[in-house]
């Protein structure tokens, strides 16, 4: 009997301990943002350190983004690149590296913009059986429906955070139709008087840029049949010369593209800076025109 009583008492103690740790069925867990915590701080918490000088959101803390928005930076640039084959010299992230140069230049010229993390995966061809760039190792492709759904969620996220204008630009041909469609669909859904979204096709004008460097800077190319040219290579070199395999090409005597010598590197980087500035000017003019239409 004594053992039975002791055993029963022990079981009751264990049951009571478990019950004490288990919330009632009708008691819901605290909702995110219900009270300040490490994972859900007060949105108005003062920033404890000086902000860095960047417009790239992935390089900013949430406090820096918040304060930039409060200071008037309520336009966000959503740029799409891609991962694909780019000839024997350029890395597969070519378009993403180009955007690391052009997107912040556009944001700074606008003066009131930030740059969202670059959308690195885009439609590159059918996956199975493979078509287009998917025939080559390293390429990552999205279905068109996936790409549009991704852009829709990205844009909707920024709308919910209070951005007033969302700007879509793409550095690859396969991105253009999807961005245009998403901008049109969301514009119709959101209506007037709130957040606006705009696809800017003027950004993606490589033929126009090639014509500009020939007529303005005297840089003439001849097509060598590679998925590369001096506009792209010089732009990437302003970010990271290793992405055009500069050292290896110099060693192999192949540091040129489309008949344009790329040595010395400083000369090509300076050309790239001029190209970035030109593309930013063209794009900013198109953005201002689009925003002007939206506000009248």
Protein backbone atom coordinates (compact mmCIF):
# COMPACT_ATOMS: atom_id res chain seq x y z
CA UNK A 1 0.00 0.00 0.00
CA UNK A 2 2.82 2.38 0.92
CA UNK A 3 4.50 1.76 -2.44
CA UNK A 4 1.21 2.35 -4.28
CA UNK A 5 0.64 5.66 -2.47
CA UNK A 6 4.21 6.80 -3.19
CA UNK A 7 3.93 5.82 -6.83
CA UNK A 8 0.60 7.59 -7.20
CA UNK A 9 1.96 10.72 -5.54
CA UNK A 10 4.97 10.75 -7.88
CA UNK A 11 2.72 10.40 -10.93
CA UNK A 12 0.54 13.28 -9.74
CA UNK A 13 3.61 15.49 -9.27
CA UNK A 14 4.84 14.74 -12.83
CA UNK A 15 1.38 15.43 -14.27
CA UNK A 16 1.18 18.71 -12.39
CA UNK A 17 4.63 19.76 -13.62
CA UNK A 18 3.68 19.05 -17.24
CA UNK A 19 0.39 20.89 -16.83
CA UNK A 20 2.21 23.91 -15.42
CA UNK A 21 4.39 24.10 -18.56
CA UNK A 22 1.52 23.61 -21.02
CA UNK A 23 -0.63 26.66 -21.84
CA UNK A 24 -4.40 26.23 -21.88
CA UNK A 25 -5.86 25.14 -25.21
CA UNK A 26 -7.65 28.45 -25.64
CA UNK A 27 -4.53 30.50 -24.88
CA UNK A 28 -2.91 31.62 -28.16
CA UNK A 29 0.87 32.19 -28.30
CA UNK A 30 1.96 35.84 -28.40
CA UNK A 31 1.74 37.29 -31.89
CA UNK A 32 4.88 38.70 -33.57
CA UNK A 33 5.26 42.36 -32.65
CA UNK A 34 2.86 42.09 -29.70
CA UNK A 35 5.61 43.11 -27.29
CA UNK A 36 9.23 44.15 -27.76
CA UNK A 37 11.72 41.29 -27.75
CA UNK A 38 15.02 40.38 -29.36
CA UNK A 39 13.16 38.91 -32.34
CA UNK A 40 10.50 41.61 -32.43
CA UNK A 41 11.92 44.97 -31.26
CA UNK A 42 9.96 48.19 -31.02
CA UNK A 43 9.84 49.73 -34.50
CA UNK A 44 10.81 53.11 -33.04
CA UNK A 45 13.93 51.88 -31.24
CA UNK A 46 16.65 54.52 -31.80
CA UNK A 47 19.57 53.47 -33.98
CA UNK A 48 22.58 53.12 -31.62
CA UNK A 49 25.35 53.65 -34.20
CA UNK A 50 26.05 55.80 -37.24
CA UNK A 51 24.54 54.60 -40.53
CA UNK A 52 26.77 53.43 -43.38
CA UNK A 53 26.82 55.21 -46.73
CA UNK A 54 25.06 52.72 -49.02
CA UNK A 55 21.80 52.44 -50.94
CA UNK A 56 21.92 48.64 -51.13
CA UNK A 57 19.29 47.32 -48.75
CA UNK A 58 21.00 43.97 -48.16
CA UNK A 59 24.00 45.92 -46.83
CA UNK A 60 21.84 47.93 -44.42
CA UNK A 61 20.35 47.14 -41.03
CA UNK A 62 16.59 47.38 -40.66
CA UNK A 63 17.09 50.56 -38.60
CA UNK A 64 19.15 52.12 -41.39
CA UNK A 65 16.44 51.26 -43.92
CA UNK A 66 13.75 52.66 -41.61
CA UNK A 67 15.64 55.90 -41.09
CA UNK A 68 16.42 56.24 -44.80
CA UNK A 69 12.71 55.90 -45.55
CA UNK A 70 11.83 58.46 -42.90
CA UNK A 71 14.35 60.79 -44.53
CA UNK A 72 12.49 60.47 -47.85
CA UNK A 73 13.97 57.42 -49.58
CA UNK A 74 10.63 55.81 -50.38
CA UNK A 75 11.40 54.58 -53.90
CA UNK A 76 12.80 51.05 -54.20
CA UNK A 77 14.56 49.63 -57.26
CA UNK A 78 13.92 45.93 -57.84
CA UNK A 79 16.54 44.71 -60.32
CA UNK A 80 16.57 41.29 -61.98
CA UNK A 81 19.73 39.65 -63.29
CA UNK A 82 20.30 35.96 -63.92
CA UNK A 83 22.70 33.03 -63.73
CA UNK A 84 23.62 31.66 -67.15
CA UNK A 85 26.44 30.81 -69.56
CA UNK A 86 28.33 33.93 -70.61
CA UNK A 87 31.11 32.72 -72.86
CA UNK A 88 34.59 31.58 -71.83
CA UNK A 89 35.59 34.66 -69.83
CA UNK A 90 32.65 35.99 -67.82
CA UNK A 91 31.30 34.30 -64.71
CA UNK A 92 27.75 32.93 -64.69
CA UNK A 93 26.51 35.80 -62.52
CA UNK A 94 27.36 38.39 -65.21
CA UNK A 95 24.02 40.20 -65.12
CA UNK A 96 24.01 40.31 -61.32
CA UNK A 97 27.47 41.89 -61.28
CA UNK A 98 26.42 44.47 -63.88
CA UNK A 99 23.51 45.42 -61.62
CA UNK A 100 25.82 45.84 -58.65
CA UNK A 101 27.30 48.73 -60.62
CA UNK A 102 24.25 50.21 -62.35
CA UNK A 103 21.48 49.85 -59.75
CA UNK A 104 23.16 51.89 -56.98
CA UNK A 105 24.20 54.51 -59.54
CA UNK A 106 20.56 54.86 -60.57
CA UNK A 107 19.41 55.09 -56.94
CA UNK A 108 21.96 57.78 -56.11
CA UNK A 109 21.04 59.84 -59.17
CA UNK A 110 17.38 59.64 -58.22
CA UNK A 111 18.33 60.81 -54.75
CA UNK A 112 15.34 59.25 -52.97
CA UNK A 113 15.78 55.54 -53.72
CA UNK A 114 17.12 52.33 -52.24
CA UNK A 115 18.05 49.12 -54.08
CA UNK A 116 16.41 45.83 -53.14
CA UNK A 117 18.51 42.65 -53.06
CA UNK A 118 19.10 41.73 -56.70
CA UNK A 119 16.77 39.01 -58.00
CA UNK A 120 19.41 36.57 -59.21
CA UNK A 121 17.24 33.75 -60.54
CA UNK A 122 15.14 34.37 -63.66
CA UNK A 123 13.78 32.41 -66.67
CA UNK A 124 16.74 31.03 -68.64
CA UNK A 125 15.02 28.30 -70.69
CA UNK A 126 13.07 25.11 -70.16
CA UNK A 127 14.47 22.86 -67.44
CA UNK A 128 13.45 19.41 -68.69
CA UNK A 129 14.23 18.90 -71.47
CA UNK A 130 16.72 21.77 -71.28
CA UNK A 131 16.55 24.62 -73.76
CA UNK A 132 18.33 27.97 -74.06
CA UNK A 133 20.98 28.58 -71.42
CA UNK A 134 19.83 25.49 -69.51
CA UNK A 135 21.94 23.43 -71.92
CA UNK A 136 25.03 24.67 -70.07
CA UNK A 137 26.18 23.70 -66.54
CA UNK A 138 25.71 26.24 -63.78
CA UNK A 139 22.62 27.88 -65.24
CA UNK A 140 19.61 28.24 -62.93
CA UNK A 141 16.21 28.81 -64.52
CA UNK A 142 12.78 29.70 -63.18
CA UNK A 143 9.47 28.94 -64.82
CA UNK A 144 7.82 32.13 -66.03
CA UNK A 145 4.99 31.63 -63.53
CA UNK A 146 7.50 31.25 -60.69
CA UNK A 147 9.36 34.38 -61.76
CA UNK A 148 6.18 36.44 -61.86
CA UNK A 149 5.02 35.06 -58.50
CA UNK A 150 8.41 35.92 -56.99
CA UNK A 151 8.32 39.49 -58.31
CA UNK A 152 4.73 39.87 -57.09
CA UNK A 153 5.68 38.85 -53.56
CA UNK A 154 8.78 41.05 -53.55
CA UNK A 155 6.84 44.11 -54.75
CA UNK A 156 3.96 43.42 -52.37
CA UNK A 157 6.41 43.20 -49.47
CA UNK A 158 7.74 46.68 -50.21
CA UNK A 159 4.23 48.05 -50.61
CA UNK A 160 3.29 46.76 -47.16
CA UNK A 161 6.38 48.43 -45.68
CA UNK A 162 5.39 51.86 -46.95
CA UNK A 163 7.45 52.38 -50.09
CA UNK A 164 5.68 54.80 -52.42
CA UNK A 165 7.21 53.77 -55.75
CA UNK A 166 8.54 50.39 -56.90
CA UNK A 167 10.79 50.40 -59.98
CA UNK A 168 11.45 47.21 -61.96
CA UNK A 169 14.55 46.97 -64.17
CA UNK A 170 16.09 43.90 -65.76
CA UNK A 171 19.54 43.28 -67.21
CA UNK A 172 18.62 40.27 -69.35
CA UNK A 173 16.24 39.76 -72.26
CA UNK A 174 14.29 36.89 -70.71
CA UNK A 175 13.29 39.08 -67.76
CA UNK A 176 11.50 41.84 -69.63
CA UNK A 177 8.08 40.31 -70.38
CA UNK A 178 7.59 39.04 -66.83
CA UNK A 179 8.46 42.36 -65.23
CA UNK A 180 6.13 44.23 -67.59
CA UNK A 181 3.28 41.83 -66.84
CA UNK A 182 3.75 42.04 -63.06
CA UNK A 183 3.86 45.84 -63.13
CA UNK A 184 0.66 45.98 -65.17
CA UNK A 185 -1.15 43.43 -63.00
CA UNK A 186 -0.21 45.05 -59.70
CA UNK A 187 -0.94 48.56 -60.98
CA UNK A 188 -4.47 47.44 -61.82
CA UNK A 189 -4.85 45.65 -58.47
CA UNK A 190 -3.49 48.47 -56.31
CA UNK A 191 -5.30 51.26 -58.13
CA UNK A 192 -4.56 54.97 -57.85
CA UNK A 193 -3.64 56.93 -54.78
CA UNK A 194 -1.27 54.47 -53.15
CA UNK A 195 1.98 52.68 -53.97
CA UNK A 196 2.86 52.75 -57.67
CA UNK A 197 4.89 50.17 -59.59
CA UNK A 198 6.68 50.77 -62.90
CA UNK A 199 8.61 48.62 -65.35
CA UNK A 200 11.38 50.63 -67.03
CA UNK A 201 12.34 49.00 -70.37
CA UNK A 202 14.72 51.86 -71.22
CA UNK A 203 17.28 50.41 -68.82
CA UNK A 204 17.79 47.32 -71.00
CA UNK A 205 19.22 48.93 -74.13
CA UNK A 206 22.60 47.39 -74.88
CA UNK A 207 22.44 48.28 -78.60
CA UNK A 208 21.82 51.91 -77.65
CA UNK A 209 24.71 51.87 -75.20
CA UNK A 210 27.05 50.34 -77.79
CA UNK A 211 26.04 53.05 -80.24
CA UNK A 212 26.65 55.69 -77.57
CA UNK A 213 30.20 54.54 -76.77
CA UNK A 214 31.03 54.47 -80.48
CA UNK A 215 29.61 57.90 -81.30
CA UNK A 216 30.60 59.63 -78.05
CA UNK A 217 33.76 57.83 -76.90
CA UNK A 218 35.04 56.45 -80.20
CA UNK A 219 35.00 52.83 -78.98
CA UNK A 220 34.13 50.56 -81.92
CA UNK A 221 33.47 46.83 -81.61
CA UNK A 222 33.33 43.95 -84.06
CA UNK A 223 31.20 40.97 -83.04
CA UNK A 224 33.34 37.95 -82.21
CA UNK A 225 30.34 35.70 -81.60
CA UNK A 226 30.77 35.54 -77.83
CA UNK A 227 28.11 36.17 -75.19
CA UNK A 228 30.11 39.20 -74.07
CA UNK A 229 31.13 42.71 -75.18
CA UNK A 230 33.11 45.70 -73.97
CA UNK A 231 30.04 47.39 -72.47
CA UNK A 232 29.41 44.46 -70.15
CA UNK A 233 33.04 43.61 -69.40
CA UNK A 234 34.07 47.16 -68.55
CA UNK A 235 31.00 47.62 -66.36
CA UNK A 236 31.77 44.45 -64.40
CA UNK A 237 35.39 45.53 -63.99
CA UNK A 238 34.23 48.58 -62.00
CA UNK A 239 32.92 46.06 -59.45
CA UNK A 240 35.42 43.18 -59.59
CA UNK A 241 37.96 42.51 -62.40
CA UNK A 242 38.19 38.88 -61.29
CA UNK A 243 34.68 38.31 -62.69
CA UNK A 244 36.02 38.85 -66.22
CA UNK A 245 39.07 36.66 -65.44
CA UNK A 246 41.45 39.57 -65.98
CA UNK A 247 44.65 37.92 -64.67
CA UNK A 248 44.09 34.67 -66.52
CA UNK A 249 43.32 36.44 -69.79
CA UNK A 250 46.41 38.63 -69.52
CA UNK A 251 48.51 35.50 -68.96
CA UNK A 252 46.94 33.84 -72.00
CA UNK A 253 47.20 36.94 -74.21
CA UNK A 254 43.40 37.22 -74.48
CA UNK A 255 42.65 40.43 -72.61
CA UNK A 256 40.41 41.92 -75.29
CA UNK A 257 36.81 41.58 -76.42
CA UNK A 258 35.20 42.27 -79.78
CA UNK A 259 38.43 43.77 -81.04
CA UNK A 260 38.76 46.21 -78.12
CA UNK A 261 41.94 45.94 -76.04
CA UNK A 262 41.21 45.96 -72.30
CA UNK A 263 44.73 46.74 -71.11
CA UNK A 264 45.59 48.70 -69.15
CA UNK A 265 42.85 47.74 -66.72
CA UNK A 266 42.56 51.31 -65.43
CA UNK A 267 41.51 52.47 -68.90
CA UNK A 268 38.78 49.85 -69.14
CA UNK A 269 37.53 50.56 -65.61
CA UNK A 270 37.29 54.25 -66.48
CA UNK A 271 35.29 53.33 -69.59
CA UNK A 272 33.04 51.20 -67.41
CA UNK A 273 32.40 54.11 -65.04
CA UNK A 274 31.34 56.30 -67.97
CA UNK A 275 29.01 53.57 -69.23
CA UNK A 276 27.46 53.11 -65.78
CA UNK A 277 26.88 56.85 -65.50
CA UNK A 278 25.32 57.00 -68.96
CA UNK A 279 22.99 54.06 -68.32
CA UNK A 280 21.99 55.59 -64.99
CA UNK A 281 21.17 58.93 -66.65
CA UNK A 282 19.03 57.24 -69.31
CA UNK A 283 17.20 55.14 -66.73
CA UNK A 284 16.64 57.98 -64.27
CA UNK A 285 15.12 60.10 -67.05
CA UNK A 286 12.75 57.22 -67.90
CA UNK A 287 11.84 56.71 -64.23
CA UNK A 288 11.06 60.39 -63.73
CA UNK A 289 8.90 60.33 -66.86
CA UNK A 290 7.01 57.27 -65.57
CA UNK A 291 6.52 58.80 -62.14
CA UNK A 292 5.35 62.04 -63.72
CA UNK A 293 2.65 60.16 -65.59
CA UNK A 294 1.61 58.37 -62.39
CA UNK A 295 1.17 61.55 -60.38
CA UNK A 296 -0.84 63.52 -62.98
